[in-house]
């Protein structure tokens, strides 16, 4: 079972609904003609077409570091952002 999507984890940590919409590749390409940043995004879309698989066993064995769960990382990030950007 794949891990939950980062946007869903952060939305849950922030206590807000998670709404994400996807732009079709041709639309990203068209908008990229006028927005250089989206031109770069279109070039990198392949990164979201397949899941990343990373093996950190050697790193953990060497440094004794355990990964932070998505939920814990999102919760701590939301707490930090709320205190840092409080108006």
Protein backbone atom coordinates (compact mmCIF):
# COMPACT_ATOMS: atom_id res chain seq x y z
CA UNK A 1 0.00 0.00 0.00
CA UNK A 2 1.53 3.34 -1.03
CA UNK A 3 1.96 6.08 1.57
CA UNK A 4 -0.67 8.84 1.69
CA UNK A 5 -0.20 11.84 -0.58
CA UNK A 6 1.80 14.66 1.02
CA UNK A 7 -0.99 17.16 0.39
CA UNK A 8 -3.44 14.95 2.28
CA UNK A 9 -1.02 14.53 5.19
CA UNK A 10 -0.40 18.29 5.44
CA UNK A 11 -4.10 19.08 5.13
CA UNK A 12 -4.85 16.66 7.97
CA UNK A 13 -2.10 18.20 10.12
CA UNK A 14 -3.46 21.69 9.43
CA UNK A 15 -7.06 20.61 9.95
CA UNK A 16 -8.20 21.81 6.55
CA UNK A 17 -9.76 19.91 3.62
CA UNK A 18 -7.37 18.63 0.98
CA UNK A 19 -8.35 19.74 -2.48
CA UNK A 20 -5.93 19.23 -5.34
CA UNK A 21 -6.69 19.50 -9.01
CA UNK A 22 -4.48 18.31 -11.82
CA UNK A 23 -3.79 20.27 -14.97
CA UNK A 24 -3.59 18.13 -18.11
CA UNK A 25 -0.12 18.05 -19.64
CA UNK A 26 -1.19 19.89 -22.84
CA UNK A 27 -2.60 22.74 -20.75
CA UNK A 28 0.61 22.96 -18.70
CA UNK A 29 2.55 23.07 -21.97
CA UNK A 30 0.31 25.82 -23.35
CA UNK A 31 0.51 27.95 -20.20
CA UNK A 32 4.27 27.36 -20.21
CA UNK A 33 4.50 29.41 -23.40
CA UNK A 34 3.59 32.47 -21.30
CA UNK A 35 4.93 31.50 -17.87
CA UNK A 36 8.56 30.36 -17.78
CA UNK A 37 8.10 28.64 -14.40
CA UNK A 38 5.37 26.39 -15.81
CA UNK A 39 7.59 25.64 -18.78
CA UNK A 40 10.06 24.13 -16.32
CA UNK A 41 7.28 22.26 -14.51
CA UNK A 42 6.15 20.68 -17.77
CA UNK A 43 9.67 19.46 -18.37
CA UNK A 44 9.73 17.77 -14.96
CA UNK A 45 6.23 16.20 -15.02
CA UNK A 46 7.72 12.76 -15.57
CA UNK A 47 8.68 12.80 -11.89
CA UNK A 48 5.00 12.53 -10.91
CA UNK A 49 4.09 9.77 -13.34
CA UNK A 50 5.72 6.95 -11.35
CA UNK A 51 6.31 6.65 -7.61
CA UNK A 52 9.82 7.20 -6.32
CA UNK A 53 11.36 4.17 -4.66
CA UNK A 54 14.29 4.96 -2.38
CA UNK A 55 16.30 2.53 -0.28
CA UNK A 56 17.87 4.21 2.73
CA UNK A 57 19.04 1.06 4.52
CA UNK A 58 22.73 1.82 4.00
CA UNK A 59 22.31 5.39 5.28
CA UNK A 60 20.37 4.25 8.36
CA UNK A 61 22.92 1.52 9.08
CA UNK A 62 25.84 3.95 8.76
CA UNK A 63 24.40 6.90 10.68
CA UNK A 64 21.79 5.29 12.92
CA UNK A 65 19.14 7.77 11.84
CA UNK A 66 15.49 6.76 11.74
CA UNK A 67 13.11 8.41 9.29
CA UNK A 68 10.47 10.87 10.46
CA UNK A 69 6.94 9.81 9.59
CA UNK A 70 5.06 11.98 7.11
CA UNK A 71 2.43 12.69 9.73
CA UNK A 72 4.97 13.81 12.37
CA UNK A 73 6.91 15.90 9.87
CA UNK A 74 3.74 17.57 8.60
CA UNK A 75 2.49 18.25 12.13
CA UNK A 76 5.80 19.84 13.18
CA UNK A 77 5.98 21.89 9.97
CA UNK A 78 2.43 23.20 10.43
CA UNK A 79 3.18 24.08 14.07
CA UNK A 80 6.33 25.92 13.00
CA UNK A 81 4.56 27.77 10.16
CA UNK A 82 1.71 28.86 12.42
CA UNK A 83 4.14 30.31 14.96
CA UNK A 84 6.53 31.81 12.38
CA UNK A 85 3.84 33.46 10.24
CA UNK A 86 1.40 34.46 12.98
CA UNK A 87 0.02 37.90 12.24
